[in-house]
Amino acid sequence: MSQQINLFNPIFLKQKKIFTALPMAEALGIIVAGALLLNWYAAQRVSDLQREADEGKDRLALREQRLVKANVQFAPRANDPRLAAELADAQAELKALHDVSSVLQGGALGNTNGYAEYFRAFSRQNVSGLWLTGVTIGGAGNEIGVQGRAMQATLIPNYIARLTAERVMHGKSFGSLDIGRPDAPAAPAPAATPGAAAPATLPFVEFSLQSTAVQEAAK
């Protein structure tokens, strides 16, 4: 009977050394070099941050100095009672001027623009055979009176229509119109002439216009 004996044992093999002195030295050198590089970068970064901080501190100090100088140069002054009184008087005067302007624009004191435009309107409306003998304007232009003469009574309505069409007469109306033929003035009696008779009236009519405001004021 035969028997086999295995005399192979792995522990008797030559072991391969992985971590030898040279690789470990190289790895250690790489680690040390990396640490030195990282330390240098950190030092540079810290230096840059320190420089920025110093520059910011210098700028802040400069601004603080400017602020101190500005506070000294433009120090707040105490209120002057005289200036306060002058300001109050100026404000009161301004308010009074505004009140006066409101009154003038409201027409309470009459027509502040004058009456020249009314007379220009009368001059533009020149009707042949009609002439004016008197014009009265009062208040704010609402109290208007017109007196005149016309060769024919039919000319008067046309004149009134043309006059009220003027821009300055817009919104105004004449509430009274009187038309009459005046009597001829008395004359010395001439020598009696058979068949001759003196005229009893003049060859024109007289008229008088009054605005509604004048008519109501007269009541």
C-alpha atoms as a PDB file:
ATOM      1  CA  MET A   1       0.000   0.000   0.000  1.00  0.00           C
ATOM      2  CA  SER A   2       1.447   3.425  -1.037  1.00  0.00           C
ATOM      3  CA  GLN A   3       0.827   6.796   0.590  1.00  0.00           C
ATOM      4  CA  GLN A   4       1.593  10.258  -0.798  1.00  0.00           C
ATOM      5  CA  ILE A   5       2.890  12.949   1.474  1.00  0.00           C
ATOM      6  CA  ASN A   6       2.529  16.647   0.362  1.00  0.00           C
ATOM      7  CA  LEU A   7       5.590  18.445   1.478  1.00  0.00           C
ATOM      8  CA  PHE A   8       4.547  21.891  -0.188  1.00  0.00           C
ATOM      9  CA  ASN A   9       3.724  24.588   2.288  1.00  0.00           C
ATOM     10  CA  PRO A  10       3.129  28.218   1.160  1.00  0.00           C
ATOM     11  CA  ILE A  11       4.875  29.559   4.148  1.00  0.00           C
ATOM     12  CA  PHE A  12       8.077  28.193   2.821  1.00  0.00           C
ATOM     13  CA  LEU A  13       7.764  30.282  -0.388  1.00  0.00           C
ATOM     14  CA  LYS A  14       9.886  33.385  -0.753  1.00  0.00           C
ATOM     15  CA  GLN A  15       7.702  36.283   0.270  1.00  0.00           C
ATOM     16  CA  LYS A  16       7.612  39.335  -2.077  1.00  0.00           C
ATOM     17  CA  LYS A  17       8.217  42.512  -0.141  1.00  0.00           C
ATOM     18  CA  ILE A  18       5.852  45.260  -1.307  1.00  0.00           C
ATOM     19  CA  PHE A  19       6.746  48.091   1.121  1.00  0.00           C
ATOM     20  CA  THR A  20      10.372  48.347   0.748  1.00  0.00           C
ATOM     21  CA  ALA A  21      12.489  51.237   1.934  1.00  0.00           C
ATOM     22  CA  LEU A  22      12.690  52.973  -1.453  1.00  0.00           C
ATOM     23  CA  PRO A  23       8.930  53.139  -2.211  1.00  0.00           C
ATOM     24  CA  MET A  24       8.224  54.288   1.302  1.00  0.00           C
ATOM     25  CA  ALA A  25      10.852  56.984   0.985  1.00  0.00           C
ATOM     26  CA  GLU A  26       9.364  58.152  -2.301  1.00  0.00           C
ATOM     27  CA  ALA A  27       5.862  58.240  -0.832  1.00  0.00           C
ATOM     28  CA  LEU A  28       7.094  60.134   2.169  1.00  0.00           C
ATOM     29  CA  GLY A  29       8.867  62.613  -0.103  1.00  0.00           C
ATOM     30  CA  ILE A  30       5.662  63.209  -2.074  1.00  0.00           C
ATOM     31  CA  ILE A  31       3.678  63.755   1.111  1.00  0.00           C
ATOM     32  CA  VAL A  32       6.255  66.179   2.472  1.00  0.00           C
ATOM     33  CA  ALA A  33       6.375  68.063  -0.845  1.00  0.00           C
ATOM     34  CA  GLY A  34       2.556  68.292  -0.932  1.00  0.00           C
ATOM     35  CA  ALA A  35       2.458  69.545   2.636  1.00  0.00           C
ATOM     36  CA  LEU A  36       5.101  72.170   1.878  1.00  0.00           C
ATOM     37  CA  LEU A  37       3.213  73.289  -1.223  1.00  0.00           C
ATOM     38  CA  LEU A  38      -0.058  73.501   0.665  1.00  0.00           C
ATOM     39  CA  ASN A  39       1.644  75.438   3.445  1.00  0.00           C
ATOM     40  CA  TRP A  40       3.141  77.869   0.921  1.00  0.00           C
ATOM     41  CA  TYR A  41      -0.248  78.423  -0.760  1.00  0.00           C
ATOM     42  CA  ALA A  42      -1.914  78.986   2.606  1.00  0.00           C
ATOM     43  CA  ALA A  43       0.792  81.458   3.587  1.00  0.00           C
ATOM     44  CA  GLN A  44       0.360  83.348   0.312  1.00  0.00           C
ATOM     45  CA  ARG A  45      -3.396  83.434   0.754  1.00  0.00           C
ATOM     46  CA  VAL A  46      -3.096  84.665   4.307  1.00  0.00           C
ATOM     47  CA  SER A  47      -0.654  87.324   3.140  1.00  0.00           C
ATOM     48  CA  ASP A  48      -3.073  88.521   0.448  1.00  0.00           C
ATOM     49  CA  LEU A  49      -5.955  88.638   2.913  1.00  0.00           C
ATOM     50  CA  GLN A  50      -3.825  90.517   5.411  1.00  0.00           C
ATOM     51  CA  ARG A  51      -2.830  93.042   2.757  1.00  0.00           C
ATOM     52  CA  GLU A  52      -6.471  93.581   1.745  1.00  0.00           C
ATOM     53  CA  ALA A  53      -7.427  93.970   5.384  1.00  0.00           C
ATOM     54  CA  ASP A  54      -4.688  96.556   5.900  1.00  0.00           C
ATOM     55  CA  GLU A  55      -5.776  98.493   2.809  1.00  0.00           C
ATOM     56  CA  GLY A  56      -9.385  98.454   3.961  1.00  0.00           C
ATOM     57  CA  LYS A  57      -8.315  99.635   7.400  1.00  0.00           C
ATOM     58  CA  ASP A  58      -6.366 102.510   5.812  1.00  0.00           C
ATOM     59  CA  ARG A  59      -9.368 103.520   3.670  1.00  0.00           C
ATOM     60  CA  LEU A  60     -11.631 103.393   6.698  1.00  0.00           C
ATOM     61  CA  ALA A  61      -9.248 105.561   8.688  1.00  0.00           C
ATOM     62  CA  LEU A  62      -9.082 108.078   5.824  1.00  0.00           C
ATOM     63  CA  ARG A  63     -12.874 108.256   5.585  1.00  0.00           C
ATOM     64  CA  GLU A  64     -13.139 108.717   9.335  1.00  0.00           C
ATOM     65  CA  GLN A  65     -10.713 111.630   9.087  1.00  0.00           C
ATOM     66  CA  ARG A  66     -12.791 113.184   6.284  1.00  0.00           C
ATOM     67  CA  LEU A  67     -15.942 112.700   8.331  1.00  0.00           C
ATOM     68  CA  VAL A  68     -14.364 114.435  11.315  1.00  0.00           C
ATOM     69  CA  LYS A  69     -13.294 117.364   9.116  1.00  0.00           C
ATOM     70  CA  ALA A  70     -16.776 117.589   7.557  1.00  0.00           C
ATOM     71  CA  ASN A  71     -18.421 117.601  10.978  1.00  0.00           C
ATOM     72  CA  VAL A  72     -16.104 120.401  12.067  1.00  0.00           C
ATOM     73  CA  GLN A  73     -16.592 122.393   8.863  1.00  0.00           C
ATOM     74  CA  PHE A  74     -20.347 121.898   8.605  1.00  0.00           C
ATOM     75  CA  ALA A  75     -21.248 121.839  12.229  1.00  0.00           C
ATOM     76  CA  PRO A  76     -25.007 122.228  12.826  1.00  0.00           C
ATOM     77  CA  ARG A  77     -25.889 125.777  13.702  1.00  0.00           C
ATOM     78  CA  ALA A  78     -28.365 126.887  16.264  1.00  0.00           C
ATOM     79  CA  ASN A  79     -31.693 128.199  14.981  1.00  0.00           C
ATOM     80  CA  ASP A  80     -31.657 131.961  14.507  1.00  0.00           C
ATOM     81  CA  PRO A  81     -34.903 133.504  15.858  1.00  0.00           C
ATOM     82  CA  ARG A  82     -34.548 136.411  13.450  1.00  0.00           C
ATOM     83  CA  LEU A  83     -34.400 134.104  10.428  1.00  0.00           C
ATOM     84  CA  ALA A  84     -37.363 132.128  11.728  1.00  0.00           C
ATOM     85  CA  ALA A  85     -39.391 135.345  12.067  1.00  0.00           C
ATOM     86  CA  GLU A  86     -38.417 136.465   8.548  1.00  0.00           C
ATOM     87  CA  LEU A  87     -39.428 133.084   7.165  1.00  0.00           C
ATOM     88  CA  ALA A  88     -42.814 133.289   8.893  1.00  0.00           C
ATOM     89  CA  ASP A  89     -43.371 136.813   7.497  1.00  0.00           C
ATOM     90  CA  ALA A  90     -42.431 135.663   3.983  1.00  0.00           C
ATOM     91  CA  GLN A  91     -44.831 132.742   4.192  1.00  0.00           C
ATOM     92  CA  ALA A  92     -47.629 135.018   5.402  1.00  0.00           C
ATOM     93  CA  GLU A  93     -46.939 137.474   2.576  1.00  0.00           C
ATOM     94  CA  LEU A  94     -46.955 134.659   0.022  1.00  0.00           C
ATOM     95  CA  LYS A  95     -50.304 133.420   1.333  1.00  0.00           C
ATOM     96  CA  ALA A  96     -51.717 136.943   1.115  1.00  0.00           C
ATOM     97  CA  LEU A  97     -50.535 137.259  -2.488  1.00  0.00           C
ATOM     98  CA  HIS A  98     -52.177 133.952  -3.351  1.00  0.00           C
ATOM     99  CA  ASP A  99     -55.428 135.142  -1.766  1.00  0.00           C
ATOM    100  CA  VAL A 100     -55.303 138.403  -3.726  1.00  0.00           C
ATOM    101  CA  SER A 101     -54.605 136.507  -6.953  1.00  0.00           C
ATOM    102  CA  SER A 102     -57.606 134.257  -6.310  1.00  0.00           C
ATOM    103  CA  VAL A 103     -59.835 137.282  -5.752  1.00  0.00           C
ATOM    104  CA  LEU A 104     -58.604 138.991  -8.927  1.00  0.00           C
ATOM    105  CA  GLN A 105     -59.060 135.890 -11.039  1.00  0.00           C
ATOM    106  CA  GLY A 106     -62.535 135.346  -9.618  1.00  0.00           C
ATOM    107  CA  GLY A 107     -63.696 138.728 -10.933  1.00  0.00           C
ATOM    108  CA  ALA A 108     -64.892 140.003  -7.570  1.00  0.00           C
ATOM    109  CA  LEU A 109     -63.095 143.317  -8.141  1.00  0.00           C
ATOM    110  CA  GLY A 110     -64.267 143.737 -11.704  1.00  0.00           C
ATOM    111  CA  ASN A 111     -62.447 143.323 -14.977  1.00  0.00           C
ATOM    112  CA  THR A 112     -58.697 143.378 -14.232  1.00  0.00           C
ATOM    113  CA  ASN A 113     -57.778 143.014 -17.908  1.00  0.00           C
ATOM    114  CA  GLY A 114     -59.181 146.407 -18.890  1.00  0.00           C
ATOM    115  CA  TYR A 115     -61.884 147.279 -21.381  1.00  0.00           C
ATOM    116  CA  ALA A 116     -59.779 147.810 -24.509  1.00  0.00           C
ATOM    117  CA  GLU A 117     -60.971 144.549 -26.079  1.00  0.00           C
ATOM    118  CA  TYR A 118     -64.604 145.665 -25.699  1.00  0.00           C
ATOM    119  CA  PHE A 119     -63.952 148.889 -27.588  1.00  0.00           C
ATOM    120  CA  ARG A 120     -62.069 146.964 -30.289  1.00  0.00           C
ATOM    121  CA  ALA A 121     -65.162 144.796 -30.715  1.00  0.00           C
ATOM    122  CA  PHE A 122     -67.358 147.916 -31.036  1.00  0.00           C
ATOM    123  CA  SER A 123     -64.981 149.391 -33.616  1.00  0.00           C
ATOM    124  CA  ARG A 124     -64.921 146.197 -35.701  1.00  0.00           C
ATOM    125  CA  GLN A 125     -68.697 146.046 -35.966  1.00  0.00           C
ATOM    126  CA  ASN A 126     -69.117 149.062 -38.205  1.00  0.00           C
ATOM    127  CA  VAL A 127     -72.568 149.029 -39.805  1.00  0.00           C
ATOM    128  CA  SER A 128     -73.321 151.546 -42.513  1.00  0.00           C
ATOM    129  CA  GLY A 129     -76.177 153.801 -41.471  1.00  0.00           C
ATOM    130  CA  LEU A 130     -75.673 153.085 -37.739  1.00  0.00           C
ATOM    131  CA  TRP A 131     -73.412 154.882 -35.296  1.00  0.00           C
ATOM    132  CA  LEU A 132     -72.875 154.915 -31.553  1.00  0.00           C
ATOM    133  CA  THR A 133     -73.334 157.906 -29.314  1.00  0.00           C
ATOM    134  CA  GLY A 134     -72.365 156.350 -25.977  1.00  0.00           C
ATOM    135  CA  VAL A 135     -70.961 153.188 -24.398  1.00  0.00           C
ATOM    136  CA  THR A 136     -70.809 152.320 -20.697  1.00  0.00           C
ATOM    137  CA  ILE A 137     -68.991 149.277 -19.276  1.00  0.00           C
ATOM    138  CA  GLY A 138     -68.877 148.469 -15.596  1.00  0.00           C
ATOM    139  CA  GLY A 139     -68.008 145.696 -13.173  1.00  0.00           C
ATOM    140  CA  ALA A 140     -66.362 142.671 -14.742  1.00  0.00           C
ATOM    141  CA  GLY A 141     -67.786 143.491 -18.163  1.00  0.00           C
ATOM    142  CA  ASN A 142     -71.267 142.208 -17.348  1.00  0.00           C
ATOM    143  CA  GLU A 143     -72.762 145.698 -17.063  1.00  0.00           C
ATOM    144  CA  ILE A 144     -72.757 147.035 -20.616  1.00  0.00           C
ATOM    145  CA  GLY A 145     -74.834 149.858 -21.987  1.00  0.00           C
ATOM    146  CA  VAL A 146     -74.876 151.001 -25.619  1.00  0.00           C
ATOM    147  CA  GLN A 147     -76.575 154.101 -27.044  1.00  0.00           C
ATOM    148  CA  GLY A 148     -76.673 154.995 -30.710  1.00  0.00           C
ATOM    149  CA  ARG A 149     -78.613 156.073 -33.741  1.00  0.00           C
ATOM    150  CA  ALA A 150     -79.591 154.349 -36.981  1.00  0.00           C
ATOM    151  CA  MET A 151     -81.050 155.538 -40.213  1.00  0.00           C
ATOM    152  CA  GLN A 152     -83.367 152.532 -40.190  1.00  0.00           C
ATOM    153  CA  ALA A 153     -84.645 150.491 -37.255  1.00  0.00           C
ATOM    154  CA  THR A 154     -84.041 147.253 -39.152  1.00  0.00           C
ATOM    155  CA  LEU A 155     -80.275 147.796 -38.869  1.00  0.00           C
ATOM    156  CA  ILE A 156     -80.322 147.432 -35.080  1.00  0.00           C
ATOM    157  CA  PRO A 157     -81.065 143.647 -34.776  1.00  0.00           C
ATOM    158  CA  ASN A 158     -78.310 142.878 -37.293  1.00  0.00           C
ATOM    159  CA  TYR A 159     -75.878 145.022 -35.322  1.00  0.00           C
ATOM    160  CA  ILE A 160     -76.774 143.296 -32.057  1.00  0.00           C
ATOM    161  CA  ALA A 161     -76.271 139.833 -33.621  1.00  0.00           C
ATOM    162  CA  ARG A 162     -72.875 140.810 -34.994  1.00  0.00           C
ATOM    163  CA  LEU A 163     -71.822 142.416 -31.712  1.00  0.00           C
ATOM    164  CA  THR A 164     -72.746 139.409 -29.550  1.00  0.00           C
ATOM    165  CA  ALA A 165     -70.751 137.160 -31.924  1.00  0.00           C
ATOM    166  CA  GLU A 166     -67.544 138.853 -30.795  1.00  0.00           C
ATOM    167  CA  ARG A 167     -65.369 136.649 -28.598  1.00  0.00           C
ATOM    168  CA  VAL A 168     -65.244 139.163 -25.758  1.00  0.00           C
ATOM    169  CA  MET A 169     -69.046 139.281 -25.732  1.00  0.00           C
ATOM    170  CA  HIS A 170     -69.537 135.534 -25.367  1.00  0.00           C
ATOM    171  CA  GLY A 171     -71.764 134.687 -22.420  1.00  0.00           C
ATOM    172  CA  LYS A 172     -73.255 138.197 -22.316  1.00  0.00           C
ATOM    173  CA  SER A 173     -76.749 139.161 -23.386  1.00  0.00           C
ATOM    174  CA  PHE A 174     -78.687 142.384 -23.737  1.00  0.00           C
ATOM    175  CA  GLY A 175     -81.898 142.243 -21.760  1.00  0.00           C
ATOM    176  CA  SER A 176     -83.269 145.645 -22.729  1.00  0.00           C
ATOM    177  CA  LEU A 177     -83.687 147.412 -26.088  1.00  0.00           C
ATOM    178  CA  ASP A 178     -85.387 150.780 -26.489  1.00  0.00           C
ATOM    179  CA  ILE A 179     -85.966 152.262 -29.947  1.00  0.00           C
ATOM    180  CA  GLY A 180     -87.543 155.619 -30.597  1.00  0.00           C
ATOM    181  CA  ARG A 181     -87.587 158.432 -33.104  1.00  0.00           C
ATOM    182  CA  PRO A 182     -86.557 161.731 -31.529  1.00  0.00           C
ATOM    183  CA  ASP A 183     -88.498 164.896 -32.059  1.00  0.00           C
ATOM    184  CA  ALA A 184     -86.979 167.634 -34.137  1.00  0.00           C
ATOM    185  CA  PRO A 185     -85.589 170.523 -32.088  1.00  0.00           C
ATOM    186  CA  ALA A 186     -87.648 173.661 -32.033  1.00  0.00           C
ATOM    187  CA  ALA A 187     -86.473 176.314 -34.488  1.00  0.00           C
ATOM    188  CA  PRO A 188     -87.374 179.969 -34.940  1.00  0.00           C
ATOM    189  CA  ALA A 189     -90.533 180.320 -36.963  1.00  0.00           C
ATOM    190  CA  PRO A 190     -89.620 181.379 -40.532  1.00  0.00           C
ATOM    191  CA  ALA A 191     -91.628 183.728 -42.602  1.00  0.00           C
ATOM    192  CA  ALA A 192     -94.946 182.235 -43.439  1.00  0.00           C
ATOM    193  CA  THR A 193     -94.829 180.428 -46.708  1.00  0.00           C
ATOM    194  CA  PRO A 194     -98.027 179.136 -48.138  1.00  0.00           C
ATOM    195  CA  GLY A 195     -98.037 175.280 -48.418  1.00  0.00           C
ATOM    196  CA  ALA A 196     -94.784 174.736 -46.457  1.00  0.00           C
ATOM    197  CA  ALA A 197     -94.652 172.683 -43.188  1.00  0.00           C
ATOM    198  CA  ALA A 198     -91.693 172.059 -40.823  1.00  0.00           C
ATOM    199  CA  PRO A 199     -90.715 168.402 -40.253  1.00  0.00           C
ATOM    200  CA  ALA A 200     -91.929 167.032 -36.897  1.00  0.00           C
ATOM    201  CA  THR A 201     -89.249 164.322 -36.481  1.00  0.00           C
ATOM    202  CA  LEU A 202     -85.617 163.648 -37.437  1.00  0.00           C
ATOM    203  CA  PRO A 203     -84.730 161.162 -40.218  1.00  0.00           C
ATOM    204  CA  PHE A 204     -83.165 158.555 -37.847  1.00  0.00           C
ATOM    205  CA  VAL A 205     -84.054 156.512 -34.796  1.00  0.00           C
ATOM    206  CA  GLU A 206     -82.311 156.333 -31.443  1.00  0.00           C
ATOM    207  CA  PHE A 207     -81.723 153.080 -29.604  1.00  0.00           C
ATOM    208  CA  SER A 208     -80.446 152.052 -26.197  1.00  0.00           C
ATOM    209  CA  LEU A 209     -79.115 148.601 -25.240  1.00  0.00           C
ATOM    210  CA  GLN A 210     -78.542 147.434 -21.712  1.00  0.00           C
ATOM    211  CA  SER A 211     -77.110 144.141 -20.539  1.00  0.00           C
ATOM    212  CA  THR A 212     -79.049 141.865 -18.248  1.00  0.00           C
ATOM    213  CA  ALA A 213     -76.797 142.705 -15.303  1.00  0.00           C
ATOM    214  CA  VAL A 214     -77.502 146.427 -15.672  1.00  0.00           C
ATOM    215  CA  GLN A 215     -81.222 145.769 -15.929  1.00  0.00           C
ATOM    216  CA  GLU A 216     -81.271 143.643 -12.785  1.00  0.00           C
ATOM    217  CA  ALA A 217     -79.159 146.178 -10.885  1.00  0.00           C
ATOM    218  CA  ALA A 218     -81.542 148.949 -11.831  1.00  0.00           C
ATOM    219  CA  LYS A 219     -84.521 147.084 -10.303  1.00  0.00           C
END
